[in-house]
Amino acid sequence: MMEYKGYVATVEYDGSVERLHGRVVNTGAYPIATFEATEVRELRLEFERSVDEYLSSCREDGVEPLAPFSGKLQLRLGSELHRRVALAAAESGQSINSWITQVLAAEAPG
């Protein structure tokens, strides 16, 4: 993975055409940019150029760019898990949001 200005891209290699393909993955269902190259250094430059062009285009069009990872996440827990989470949060003296954030921060890599 590569990161630039908060945008994260994944990379795949296509051996049939000997090219590296990348796409921005942290802006929702549809990537804001895709890019390709034959060398890693060139791929990084294409990634950065793609993000910069996307941001420039948004500015020119007066459109708010899709933000990488807004910090908001909706969860559907089911009623039993919701009850267990609420009890655990209450027992620790935290809100449900604070408790979930603490648990995820402790478990998430990196």
PDB file of N, CA and C in Angstrom:
ATOM      1  N   MET A   1       0.830  -1.179   0.000  1.00  0.00           N
ATOM      2  CA  MET A   1       0.000   0.000   0.000  1.00  0.00           C
ATOM      3  C   MET A   1       0.876   1.244   0.000  1.00  0.00           C
ATOM      4  N   MET A   2       0.313   2.302  -0.541  1.00  0.00           N
ATOM      5  CA  MET A   2       0.997   3.597  -0.570  1.00  0.00           C
ATOM      6  C   MET A   2       0.056   4.630   0.033  1.00  0.00           C
ATOM      7  N   GLU A   3       0.627   5.693   0.621  1.00  0.00           N
ATOM      8  CA  GLU A   3      -0.184   6.757   1.194  1.00  0.00           C
ATOM      9  C   GLU A   3       0.362   8.112   0.762  1.00  0.00           C
ATOM     10  N   TYR A   4      -0.557   9.023   0.466  1.00  0.00           N
ATOM     11  CA  TYR A   4      -0.200  10.385   0.058  1.00  0.00           C
ATOM     12  C   TYR A   4      -1.364  11.300   0.406  1.00  0.00           C
ATOM     13  N   LYS A   5      -1.074  12.346   1.191  1.00  0.00           N
ATOM     14  CA  LYS A   5      -2.083  13.324   1.608  1.00  0.00           C
ATOM     15  C   LYS A   5      -3.293  12.661   2.244  1.00  0.00           C
ATOM     16  N   GLY A   6      -3.065  11.557   2.950  1.00  0.00           N
ATOM     17  CA  GLY A   6      -4.148  10.858   3.628  1.00  0.00           C
ATOM     18  C   GLY A   6      -4.872   9.844   2.766  1.00  0.00           C
ATOM     19  N   TYR A   7      -4.602   9.827   1.476  1.00  0.00           N
ATOM     20  CA  TYR A   7      -5.225   8.865   0.575  1.00  0.00           C
ATOM     21  C   TYR A   7      -4.349   7.611   0.504  1.00  0.00           C
ATOM     22  N   VAL A   8      -4.985   6.457   0.545  1.00  0.00           N
ATOM     23  CA  VAL A   8      -4.281   5.177   0.539  1.00  0.00           C
ATOM     24  C   VAL A   8      -4.605   4.447  -0.755  1.00  0.00           C
ATOM     25  N   ALA A   9      -3.576   3.857  -1.347  1.00  0.00           N
ATOM     26  CA  ALA A   9      -3.759   3.122  -2.598  1.00  0.00           C
ATOM     27  C   ALA A   9      -3.240   1.698  -2.454  1.00  0.00           C
ATOM     28  N   THR A  10      -3.926   0.783  -3.089  1.00  0.00           N
ATOM     29  CA  THR A  10      -3.437  -0.582  -3.204  1.00  0.00           C
ATOM     30  C   THR A  10      -2.853  -0.756  -4.594  1.00  0.00           C
ATOM     31  N   VAL A  11      -1.978  -1.727  -4.718  1.00  0.00           N
ATOM     32  CA  VAL A  11      -1.274  -1.960  -5.981  1.00  0.00           C
ATOM     33  C   VAL A  11      -1.354  -3.434  -6.330  1.00  0.00           C
ATOM     34  N   GLU A  12      -1.592  -3.713  -7.593  1.00  0.00           N
ATOM     35  CA  GLU A  12      -1.586  -5.083  -8.112  1.00  0.00           C
ATOM     36  C   GLU A  12      -0.679  -5.133  -9.334  1.00  0.00           C
ATOM     37  N   TYR A  13      -0.101  -6.298  -9.571  1.00  0.00           N
ATOM     38  CA  TYR A  13       0.753  -6.484 -10.735  1.00  0.00           C
ATOM     39  C   TYR A  13       0.014  -7.340 -11.755  1.00  0.00           C
ATOM     40  N   ASP A  14      -0.004  -6.900 -12.991  1.00  0.00           N
ATOM     41  CA  ASP A  14      -0.601  -7.659 -14.088  1.00  0.00           C
ATOM     42  C   ASP A  14       0.530  -8.178 -14.965  1.00  0.00           C
ATOM     43  N   GLY A  15       0.876  -9.442 -14.780  1.00  0.00           N
ATOM     44  CA  GLY A  15       1.978 -10.046 -15.520  1.00  0.00           C
ATOM     45  C   GLY A  15       1.725 -10.172 -17.005  1.00  0.00           C
ATOM     46  N   SER A  16       0.462 -10.200 -17.407  1.00  0.00           N
ATOM     47  CA  SER A  16       0.171 -10.354 -18.832  1.00  0.00           C
ATOM     48  C   SER A  16       0.583  -9.126 -19.640  1.00  0.00           C
ATOM     49  N   VAL A  17       0.615  -7.961 -18.989  1.00  0.00           N
ATOM     50  CA  VAL A  17       1.049  -6.735 -19.669  1.00  0.00           C
ATOM     51  C   VAL A  17       2.237  -6.093 -18.969  1.00  0.00           C
ATOM     52  N   GLU A  18       2.740  -6.772 -17.949  1.00  0.00           N
ATOM     53  CA  GLU A  18       3.890  -6.311 -17.167  1.00  0.00           C
ATOM     54  C   GLU A  18       3.719  -4.868 -16.694  1.00  0.00           C
ATOM     55  N   ARG A  19       2.572  -4.614 -16.033  1.00  0.00           N
ATOM     56  CA  ARG A  19       2.285  -3.277 -15.509  1.00  0.00           C
ATOM     57  C   ARG A  19       1.777  -3.382 -14.081  1.00  0.00           C
ATOM     58  N   LEU A  20       2.080  -2.350 -13.318  1.00  0.00           N
ATOM     59  CA  LEU A  20       1.556  -2.194 -11.973  1.00  0.00           C
ATOM     60  C   LEU A  20       0.315  -1.307 -12.062  1.00  0.00           C
ATOM     61  N   HIS A  21      -0.757  -1.718 -11.394  1.00  0.00           N
ATOM     62  CA  HIS A  21      -2.000  -0.951 -11.381  1.00  0.00           C
ATOM     63  C   HIS A  21      -2.314  -0.577  -9.938  1.00  0.00           C
ATOM     64  N   GLY A  22      -2.671   0.683  -9.721  1.00  0.00           N
ATOM     65  CA  GLY A  22      -3.028   1.131  -8.386  1.00  0.00           C
ATOM     66  C   GLY A  22      -4.369   1.815  -8.386  1.00  0.00           C
ATOM     67  N   ARG A  23      -4.987   1.837  -7.199  1.00  0.00           N
ATOM     68  CA  ARG A  23      -6.241   2.574  -7.048  1.00  0.00           C
ATOM     69  C   ARG A  23      -6.372   3.054  -5.615  1.00  0.00           C
ATOM     70  N   VAL A  24      -6.939   4.234  -5.458  1.00  0.00           N
ATOM     71  CA  VAL A  24      -7.192   4.792  -4.131  1.00  0.00           C
ATOM     72  C   VAL A  24      -8.363   4.027  -3.531  1.00  0.00           C
ATOM     73  N   VAL A  25      -8.206   3.579  -2.284  1.00  0.00           N
ATOM     74  CA  VAL A  25      -9.203   2.689  -1.689  1.00  0.00           C
ATOM     75  C   VAL A  25      -9.925   3.250  -0.468  1.00  0.00           C
ATOM     76  N   ASN A  26      -9.538   4.399   0.032  1.00  0.00           N
ATOM     77  CA  ASN A  26     -10.138   4.855   1.282  1.00  0.00           C
ATOM     78  C   ASN A  26     -11.062   6.050   1.120  1.00  0.00           C
ATOM     79  N   THR A  27     -11.832   6.069   0.034  1.00  0.00           N
ATOM     80  CA  THR A  27     -12.755   7.183  -0.176  1.00  0.00           C
ATOM     81  C   THR A  27     -14.167   6.706  -0.477  1.00  0.00           C
ATOM     82  N   GLY A  28     -14.487   5.491  -0.133  1.00  0.00           N
ATOM     83  CA  GLY A  28     -15.832   4.986  -0.372  1.00  0.00           C
ATOM     84  C   GLY A  28     -15.844   3.904  -1.429  1.00  0.00           C
ATOM     85  N   ALA A  29     -17.026   3.657  -1.937  1.00  0.00           N
ATOM     86  CA  ALA A  29     -17.232   2.526  -2.853  1.00  0.00           C
ATOM     87  C   ALA A  29     -16.494   2.668  -4.181  1.00  0.00           C
ATOM     88  N   TYR A  30     -16.308   3.910  -4.637  1.00  0.00           N
ATOM     89  CA  TYR A  30     -15.667   4.124  -5.927  1.00  0.00           C
ATOM     90  C   TYR A  30     -14.351   4.863  -5.725  1.00  0.00           C
ATOM     91  N   PRO A  31     -13.263   4.352  -6.300  1.00  0.00           N
ATOM     92  CA  PRO A  31     -11.971   5.023  -6.112  1.00  0.00           C
ATOM     93  C   PRO A  31     -11.958   6.382  -6.794  1.00  0.00           C
ATOM     94  N   ILE A  32     -11.302   7.351  -6.166  1.00  0.00           N
ATOM     95  CA  ILE A  32     -11.180   8.682  -6.764  1.00  0.00           C
ATOM     96  C   ILE A  32     -10.131   8.694  -7.858  1.00  0.00           C
ATOM     97  N   ALA A  33      -9.238   7.714  -7.836  1.00  0.00           N
ATOM     98  CA  ALA A  33      -8.159   7.702  -8.815  1.00  0.00           C
ATOM     99  C   ALA A  33      -7.672   6.276  -9.036  1.00  0.00           C
ATOM    100  N   THR A  34      -7.324   6.007 -10.277  1.00  0.00           N
ATOM    101  CA  THR A  34      -6.593   4.796 -10.633  1.00  0.00           C
ATOM    102  C   THR A  34      -5.375   5.255 -11.424  1.00  0.00           C
ATOM    103  N   PHE A  35      -4.348   4.422 -11.429  1.00  0.00           N
ATOM    104  CA  PHE A  35      -3.106   4.820 -12.083  1.00  0.00           C
ATOM    105  C   PHE A  35      -2.308   3.568 -12.380  1.00  0.00           C
ATOM    106  N   GLU A  36      -1.320   3.692 -13.273  1.00  0.00           N
ATOM    107  CA  GLU A  36      -0.492   2.536 -13.621  1.00  0.00           C
ATOM    108  C   GLU A  36       0.883   2.973 -14.067  1.00  0.00           C
ATOM    109  N   ALA A  37       1.804   2.027 -14.027  1.00  0.00           N
ATOM    110  CA  ALA A  37       3.185   2.276 -14.437  1.00  0.00           C
ATOM    111  C   ALA A  37       3.892   0.937 -14.575  1.00  0.00           C
ATOM    112  N   THR A  38       5.115   0.983 -15.086  1.00  0.00           N
ATOM    113  CA  THR A  38       5.903  -0.243 -15.215  1.00  0.00           C
ATOM    114  C   THR A  38       6.938  -0.380 -14.106  1.00  0.00           C
ATOM    115  N   GLU A  39       7.248   0.724 -13.414  1.00  0.00           N
ATOM    116  CA  GLU A  39       8.246   0.697 -12.341  1.00  0.00           C
ATOM    117  C   GLU A  39       7.654   1.297 -11.074  1.00  0.00           C
ATOM    118  N   VAL A  40       8.149   0.855  -9.921  1.00  0.00           N
ATOM    119  CA  VAL A  40       7.625   1.291  -8.638  1.00  0.00           C
ATOM    120  C   VAL A  40       7.776   2.798  -8.460  1.00  0.00           C
ATOM    121  N   ARG A  41       8.931   3.339  -8.772  1.00  0.00           N
ATOM    122  CA  ARG A  41       9.155   4.784  -8.612  1.00  0.00           C
ATOM    123  C   ARG A  41       8.170   5.578  -9.467  1.00  0.00           C
ATOM    124  N   GLU A  42       7.978   5.125 -10.678  1.00  0.00           N
ATOM    125  CA  GLU A  42       7.035   5.774 -11.588  1.00  0.00           C
ATOM    126  C   GLU A  42       5.599   5.640 -11.052  1.00  0.00           C
ATOM    127  N   LEU A  43       5.284   4.498 -10.477  1.00  0.00           N
ATOM    128  CA  LEU A  43       3.948   4.280  -9.922  1.00  0.00           C
ATOM    129  C   LEU A  43       3.657   5.264  -8.793  1.00  0.00           C
ATOM    130  N   ARG A  44       4.634   5.489  -7.922  1.00  0.00           N
ATOM    131  CA  ARG A  44       4.449   6.448  -6.826  1.00  0.00           C
ATOM    132  C   ARG A  44       4.174   7.832  -7.392  1.00  0.00           C
ATOM    133  N   LEU A  45       4.934   8.235  -8.388  1.00  0.00           N
ATOM    134  CA  LEU A  45       4.721   9.548  -9.004  1.00  0.00           C
ATOM    135  C   LEU A  45       3.337   9.648  -9.640  1.00  0.00           C
ATOM    136  N   GLU A  46       2.896   8.587 -10.296  1.00  0.00           N
ATOM    137  CA  GLU A  46       1.569   8.571 -10.915  1.00  0.00           C
ATOM    138  C   GLU A  46       0.473   8.648  -9.849  1.00  0.00           C
ATOM    139  N   PHE A  47       0.667   7.962  -8.730  1.00  0.00           N
ATOM    140  CA  PHE A  47      -0.280   8.017  -7.608  1.00  0.00           C
ATOM    141  C   PHE A  47      -0.407   9.447  -7.096  1.00  0.00           C
ATOM    142  N   GLU A  48       0.733  10.063  -6.816  1.00  0.00           N
ATOM    143  CA  GLU A  48       0.718  11.435  -6.287  1.00  0.00           C
ATOM    144  C   GLU A  48       0.116  12.405  -7.293  1.00  0.00           C
ATOM    145  N   ARG A  49       0.451  12.238  -8.558  1.00  0.00           N
ATOM    146  CA  ARG A  49      -0.106  13.105  -9.599  1.00  0.00           C
ATOM    147  C   ARG A  49      -1.617  12.919  -9.693  1.00  0.00           C
ATOM    148  N   SER A  50      -2.084  11.682  -9.602  1.00  0.00           N
ATOM    149  CA  SER A  50      -3.520  11.407  -9.674  1.00  0.00           C
ATOM    150  C   SER A  50      -4.278  12.061  -8.523  1.00  0.00           C
ATOM    151  N   VAL A  51      -3.735  11.960  -7.318  1.00  0.00           N
ATOM    152  CA  VAL A  51      -4.384  12.585  -6.157  1.00  0.00           C
ATOM    153  C   VAL A  51      -4.383  14.105  -6.319  1.00  0.00           C
ATOM    154  N   ASP A  52      -3.235  14.669  -6.711  1.00  0.00           N
ATOM    155  CA  ASP A  52      -3.148  16.120  -6.896  1.00  0.00           C
ATOM    156  C   ASP A  52      -4.125  16.603  -7.968  1.00  0.00           C
ATOM    157  N   GLU A  53      -4.244  15.855  -9.064  1.00  0.00           N
ATOM    158  CA  GLU A  53      -5.182  16.230 -10.126  1.00  0.00           C
ATOM    159  C   GLU A  53      -6.622  16.146  -9.635  1.00  0.00           C
ATOM    160  N   TYR A  54      -6.932  15.125  -8.846  1.00  0.00           N
ATOM    161  CA  TYR A  54      -8.270  14.990  -8.284  1.00  0.00           C
ATOM    162  C   TYR A  54      -8.604  16.192  -7.401  1.00  0.00           C
ATOM    163  N   LEU A  55      -7.682  16.547  -6.496  1.00  0.00           N
ATOM    164  CA  LEU A  55      -7.908  17.674  -5.587  1.00  0.00           C
ATOM    165  C   LEU A  55      -8.024  18.991  -6.357  1.00  0.00           C
ATOM    166  N   SER A  56      -7.194  19.170  -7.376  1.00  0.00           N
ATOM    167  CA  SER A  56      -7.239  20.374  -8.202  1.00  0.00           C
ATOM    168  C   SER A  56      -8.571  20.460  -8.945  1.00  0.00           C
ATOM    169  N   SER A  57      -9.013  19.357  -9.496  1.00  0.00           N
ATOM    170  CA  SER A  57     -10.277  19.313 -10.220  1.00  0.00           C
ATOM    171  C   SER A  57     -11.440  19.661  -9.293  1.00  0.00           C
ATOM    172  N   CYS A  58     -11.415  19.150  -8.066  1.00  0.00           N
ATOM    173  CA  CYS A  58     -12.467  19.463  -7.095  1.00  0.00           C
ATOM    174  C   CYS A  58     -12.481  20.959  -6.788  1.00  0.00           C
ATOM    175  N   ARG A  59     -11.289  21.542  -6.603  1.00  0.00           N
ATOM    176  CA  ARG A  59     -11.195  22.984  -6.335  1.00  0.00           C
ATOM    177  C   ARG A  59     -11.777  23.787  -7.504  1.00  0.00           C
ATOM    178  N   GLU A  60     -11.378  23.424  -8.719  1.00  0.00           N
ATOM    179  CA  GLU A  60     -11.841  24.142  -9.907  1.00  0.00           C
ATOM    180  C   GLU A  60     -13.353  24.045 -10.072  1.00  0.00           C
ATOM    181  N   ASP A  61     -13.926  22.893  -9.730  1.00  0.00           N
ATOM    182  CA  ASP A  61     -15.368  22.681  -9.882  1.00  0.00           C
ATOM    183  C   ASP A  61     -16.170  23.132  -8.671  1.00  0.00           C
ATOM    184  N   GLY A  62     -15.472  23.581  -7.609  1.00  0.00           N
ATOM    185  CA  GLY A  62     -16.166  23.996  -6.400  1.00  0.00           C
ATOM    186  C   GLY A  62     -16.832  22.842  -5.670  1.00  0.00           C
ATOM    187  N   VAL A  63     -16.235  21.650  -5.794  1.00  0.00           N
ATOM    188  CA  VAL A  63     -16.782  20.440  -5.188  1.00  0.00           C
ATOM    189  C   VAL A  63     -15.901  20.031  -4.011  1.00  0.00           C
ATOM    190  N   GLU A  64     -16.526  19.600  -2.942  1.00  0.00           N
ATOM    191  CA  GLU A  64     -15.778  19.109  -1.790  1.00  0.00           C
ATOM    192  C   GLU A  64     -15.211  17.736  -2.133  1.00  0.00           C
ATOM    193  N   PRO A  65     -13.888  17.549  -2.054  1.00  0.00           N
ATOM    194  CA  PRO A  65     -13.318  16.238  -2.376  1.00  0.00           C
ATOM    195  C   PRO A  65     -13.733  15.189  -1.354  1.00  0.00           C
ATOM    196  N   LEU A  66     -13.826  13.958  -1.813  1.00  0.00           N
ATOM    197  CA  LEU A  66     -14.098  12.871  -0.881  1.00  0.00           C
ATOM    198  C   LEU A  66     -12.946  12.810   0.102  1.00  0.00           C
ATOM    199  N   ALA A  67     -13.261  12.841   1.362  1.00  0.00           N
ATOM    200  CA  ALA A  67     -12.231  12.833   2.404  1.00  0.00           C
ATOM    201  C   ALA A  67     -11.822  11.403   2.710  1.00  0.00           C
ATOM    202  N   PRO A  68     -10.519  11.198   2.875  1.00  0.00           N
ATOM    203  CA  PRO A  68     -10.092   9.856   3.269  1.00  0.00           C
ATOM    204  C   PRO A  68     -10.455   9.615   4.725  1.00  0.00           C
ATOM    205  N   PHE A  69     -11.206   8.563   4.999  1.00  0.00           N
ATOM    206  CA  PHE A  69     -11.571   8.155   6.350  1.00  0.00           C
ATOM    207  C   PHE A  69     -12.092   9.313   7.185  1.00  0.00           C
ATOM    208  N   SER A  70     -13.370   9.530   7.139  1.00  0.00           N
ATOM    209  CA  SER A  70     -14.000  10.648   7.838  1.00  0.00           C
ATOM    210  C   SER A  70     -13.955  10.511   9.352  1.00  0.00           C
ATOM    211  N   GLY A  71     -13.790   9.295   9.857  1.00  0.00           N
ATOM    212  CA  GLY A  71     -13.835   9.089  11.300  1.00  0.00           C
ATOM    213  C   GLY A  71     -15.211   8.663  11.772  1.00  0.00           C
ATOM    214  N   LYS A  72     -16.169   8.638  10.865  1.00  0.00           N
ATOM    215  CA  LYS A  72     -17.520   8.190  11.204  1.00  0.00           C
ATOM    216  C   LYS A  72     -17.727   6.798  10.642  1.00  0.00           C
ATOM    217  N   LEU A  73     -18.296   5.939  11.465  1.00  0.00           N
ATOM    218  CA  LEU A  73     -18.518   4.556  11.066  1.00  0.00           C
ATOM    219  C   LEU A  73     -19.846   4.093  11.638  1.00  0.00           C
ATOM    220  N   GLN A  74     -20.734   3.605  10.789  1.00  0.00           N
ATOM    221  CA  GLN A  74     -22.003   3.076  11.267  1.00  0.00           C
ATOM    222  C   GLN A  74     -21.876   1.572  11.409  1.00  0.00           C
ATOM    223  N   LEU A  75     -22.362   1.061  12.532  1.00  0.00           N
ATOM    224  CA  LEU A  75     -22.309  -0.371  12.782  1.00  0.00           C
ATOM    225  C   LEU A  75     -23.702  -0.912  13.019  1.00  0.00           C
ATOM    226  N   ARG A  76     -23.941  -2.115  12.558  1.00  0.00           N
ATOM    227  CA  ARG A  76     -25.160  -2.841  12.897  1.00  0.00           C
ATOM    228  C   ARG A  76     -24.710  -4.037  13.719  1.00  0.00           C
ATOM    229  N   LEU A  77     -25.036  -3.990  14.993  1.00  0.00           N
ATOM    230  CA  LEU A  77     -24.525  -4.984  15.933  1.00  0.00           C
ATOM    231  C   LEU A  77     -25.490  -6.120  16.208  1.00  0.00           C
ATOM    232  N   GLY A  78     -26.744  -5.909  16.020  1.00  0.00           N
ATOM    233  CA  GLY A  78     -27.746  -6.845  16.497  1.00  0.00           C
ATOM    234  C   GLY A  78     -28.047  -6.498  17.954  1.00  0.00           C
ATOM    235  N   SER A  79     -29.253  -6.776  18.392  1.00  0.00           N
ATOM    236  CA  SER A  79     -29.676  -6.318  19.722  1.00  0.00           C
ATOM    237  C   SER A  79     -28.885  -6.954  20.858  1.00  0.00           C
ATOM    238  N   GLU A  80     -28.545  -8.221  20.760  1.00  0.00           N
ATOM    239  CA  GLU A  80     -27.815  -8.885  21.858  1.00  0.00           C
ATOM    240  C   GLU A  80     -26.405  -8.323  22.007  1.00  0.00           C
ATOM    241  N   LEU A  81     -25.688  -8.158  20.904  1.00  0.00           N
ATOM    242  CA  LEU A  81     -24.344  -7.587  20.984  1.00  0.00           C
ATOM    243  C   LEU A  81     -24.418  -6.131  21.439  1.00  0.00           C
ATOM    244  N   HIS A  82     -25.403  -5.394  20.977  1.00  0.00           N
ATOM    245  CA  HIS A  82     -25.585  -4.006  21.401  1.00  0.00           C
ATOM    246  C   HIS A  82     -25.751  -3.946  22.926  1.00  0.00           C
ATOM    247  N   ARG A  83     -26.559  -4.856  23.462  1.00  0.00           N
ATOM    248  CA  ARG A  83     -26.767  -4.921  24.909  1.00  0.00           C
ATOM    249  C   ARG A  83     -25.458  -5.201  25.626  1.00  0.00           C
ATOM    250  N   ARG A  84     -24.680  -6.166  25.127  1.00  0.00           N
ATOM    251  CA  ARG A  84     -23.407  -6.527  25.765  1.00  0.00           C
ATOM    252  C   ARG A  84     -22.410  -5.373  25.713  1.00  0.00           C
ATOM    253  N   VAL A  85     -22.356  -4.687  24.588  1.00  0.00           N
ATOM    254  CA  VAL A  85     -21.464  -3.538  24.445  1.00  0.00           C
ATOM    255  C   VAL A  85     -21.886  -2.424  25.397  1.00  0.00           C
ATOM    256  N   ALA A  86     -23.177  -2.152  25.475  1.00  0.00           N
ATOM    257  CA  ALA A  86     -23.678  -1.103  26.368  1.00  0.00           C
ATOM    258  C   ALA A  86     -23.339  -1.423  27.821  1.00  0.00           C
ATOM    259  N   LEU A  87     -23.494  -2.680  28.220  1.00  0.00           N
ATOM    260  CA  LEU A  87     -23.154  -3.082  29.594  1.00  0.00           C
ATOM    261  C   LEU A  87     -21.658  -2.938  29.858  1.00  0.00           C
ATOM    262  N   ALA A  88     -20.842  -3.375  28.906  1.00  0.00           N
ATOM    263  CA  ALA A  88     -19.389  -3.269  29.077  1.00  0.00           C
ATOM    264  C   ALA A  88     -18.962  -1.804  29.177  1.00  0.00           C
ATOM    265  N   ALA A  89     -19.557  -0.955  28.355  1.00  0.00           N
ATOM    266  CA  ALA A  89     -19.238   0.475  28.399  1.00  0.00           C
ATOM    267  C   ALA A  89     -19.649   1.069  29.740  1.00  0.00           C
ATOM    268  N   ALA A  90     -20.840   0.733  30.195  1.00  0.00           N
ATOM    269  CA  ALA A  90     -21.325   1.252  31.479  1.00  0.00           C
ATOM    270  C   ALA A  90     -20.436   0.790  32.632  1.00  0.00           C
ATOM    271  N   GLU A  91     -20.033  -0.473  32.598  1.00  0.00           N
ATOM    272  CA  GLU A  91     -19.164  -1.006  33.655  1.00  0.00           C
ATOM    273  C   GLU A  91     -17.813  -0.302  33.690  1.00  0.00           C
ATOM    274  N   SER A  92     -17.340   0.158  32.538  1.00  0.00           N
ATOM    275  CA  SER A  92     -16.043   0.854  32.493  1.00  0.00           C
ATOM    276  C   SER A  92     -16.199   2.360  32.666  1.00  0.00           C
ATOM    277  N   GLY A  93     -17.444   2.826  32.824  1.00  0.00           N
ATOM    278  CA  GLY A  93     -17.675   4.251  33.026  1.00  0.00           C
ATOM    279  C   GLY A  93     -17.502   5.080  31.765  1.00  0.00           C
ATOM    280  N   GLN A  94     -17.688   4.459  30.601  1.00  0.00           N
ATOM    281  CA  GLN A  94     -17.497   5.157  29.336  1.00  0.00           C
ATOM    282  C   GLN A  94     -18.790   5.160  28.529  1.00  0.00           C
ATOM    283  N   SER A  95     -18.842   6.053  27.544  1.00  0.00           N
ATOM    284  CA  SER A  95     -19.931   5.990  26.575  1.00  0.00           C
ATOM    285  C   SER A  95     -19.681   4.786  25.668  1.00  0.00           C
ATOM    286  N   ILE A  96     -20.714   4.365  24.969  1.00  0.00           N
ATOM    287  CA  ILE A  96     -20.540   3.259  24.016  1.00  0.00           C
ATOM    288  C   ILE A  96     -19.493   3.627  22.974  1.00  0.00           C
ATOM    289  N   ASN A  97     -19.554   4.840  22.442  1.00  0.00           N
ATOM    290  CA  ASN A  97     -18.601   5.280  21.430  1.00  0.00           C
ATOM    291  C   ASN A  97     -17.166   5.217  21.957  1.00  0.00           C
ATOM    292  N   SER A  98     -16.950   5.737  23.165  1.00  0.00           N
ATOM    293  CA  SER A  98     -15.595   5.725  23.748  1.00  0.00           C
ATOM    294  C   SER A  98     -15.116   4.301  23.985  1.00  0.00           C
ATOM    295  N   TRP A  99     -16.006   3.443  24.458  1.00  0.00           N
ATOM    296  CA  TRP A  99     -15.623   2.056  24.738  1.00  0.00           C
ATOM    297  C   TRP A  99     -15.234   1.334  23.437  1.00  0.00           C
ATOM    298  N   ILE A 100     -16.067   1.484  22.390  1.00  0.00           N
ATOM    299  CA  ILE A 100     -15.773   0.839  21.107  1.00  0.00           C
ATOM    300  C   ILE A 100     -14.459   1.376  20.542  1.00  0.00           C
ATOM    301  N   THR A 101     -14.247   2.689  20.615  1.00  0.00           N
ATOM    302  CA  THR A 101     -13.005   3.285  20.123  1.00  0.00           C
ATOM    303  C   THR A 101     -11.801   2.709  20.851  1.00  0.00           C
ATOM    304  N   GLN A 102     -11.903   2.576  22.162  1.00  0.00           N
ATOM    305  CA  GLN A 102     -10.795   2.026  22.961  1.00  0.00           C
ATOM    306  C   GLN A 102     -10.516   0.571  22.579  1.00  0.00           C
ATOM    307  N   VAL A 103     -11.563  -0.223  22.434  1.00  0.00           N
ATOM    308  CA  VAL A 103     -11.389  -1.634  22.078  1.00  0.00           C
ATOM    309  C   VAL A 103     -10.782  -1.774  20.685  1.00  0.00           C
ATOM    310  N   LEU A 104     -11.268  -1.007  19.739  1.00  0.00           N
ATOM    311  CA  LEU A 104     -10.732  -1.091  18.378  1.00  0.00           C
ATOM    312  C   LEU A 104      -9.292  -0.601  18.312  1.00  0.00           C
ATOM    313  N   ALA A 105      -8.971   0.469  19.028  1.00  0.00           N
ATOM    314  CA  ALA A 105      -7.601   0.983  19.031  1.00  0.00           C
ATOM    315  C   ALA A 105      -6.640  -0.040  19.595  1.00  0.00           C
ATOM    316  N   ALA A 106      -7.086  -0.797  20.588  1.00  0.00           N
ATOM    317  CA  ALA A 106      -6.213  -1.804  21.194  1.00  0.00           C
ATOM    318  C   ALA A 106      -6.007  -2.997  20.268  1.00  0.00           C
ATOM    319  N   GLU A 107      -6.967  -3.266  19.387  1.00  0.00           N
ATOM    320  CA  GLU A 107      -6.906  -4.456  18.525  1.00  0.00           C
ATOM    321  C   GLU A 107      -6.401  -4.187  17.123  1.00  0.00           C
ATOM    322  N   ALA A 108      -6.536  -2.967  16.637  1.00  0.00           N
ATOM    323  CA  ALA A 108      -6.181  -2.668  15.250  1.00  0.00           C
ATOM    324  C   ALA A 108      -4.670  -2.605  15.072  1.00  0.00           C
ATOM    325  N   PRO A 109      -4.150  -3.235  14.035  1.00  0.00           N
ATOM    326  CA  PRO A 109      -2.699  -3.172  13.777  1.00  0.00           C
ATOM    327  C   PRO A 109      -2.272  -1.773  13.359  1.00  0.00           C
ATOM    328  N   GLY A 110      -1.019  -1.479  13.639  1.00  0.00           N
ATOM    329  CA  GLY A 110      -0.393  -0.265  13.153  1.00  0.00           C
ATOM    330  C   GLY A 110      -0.686   0.947  13.931  1.00  0.00           C
TER     331      GLY A 110
END
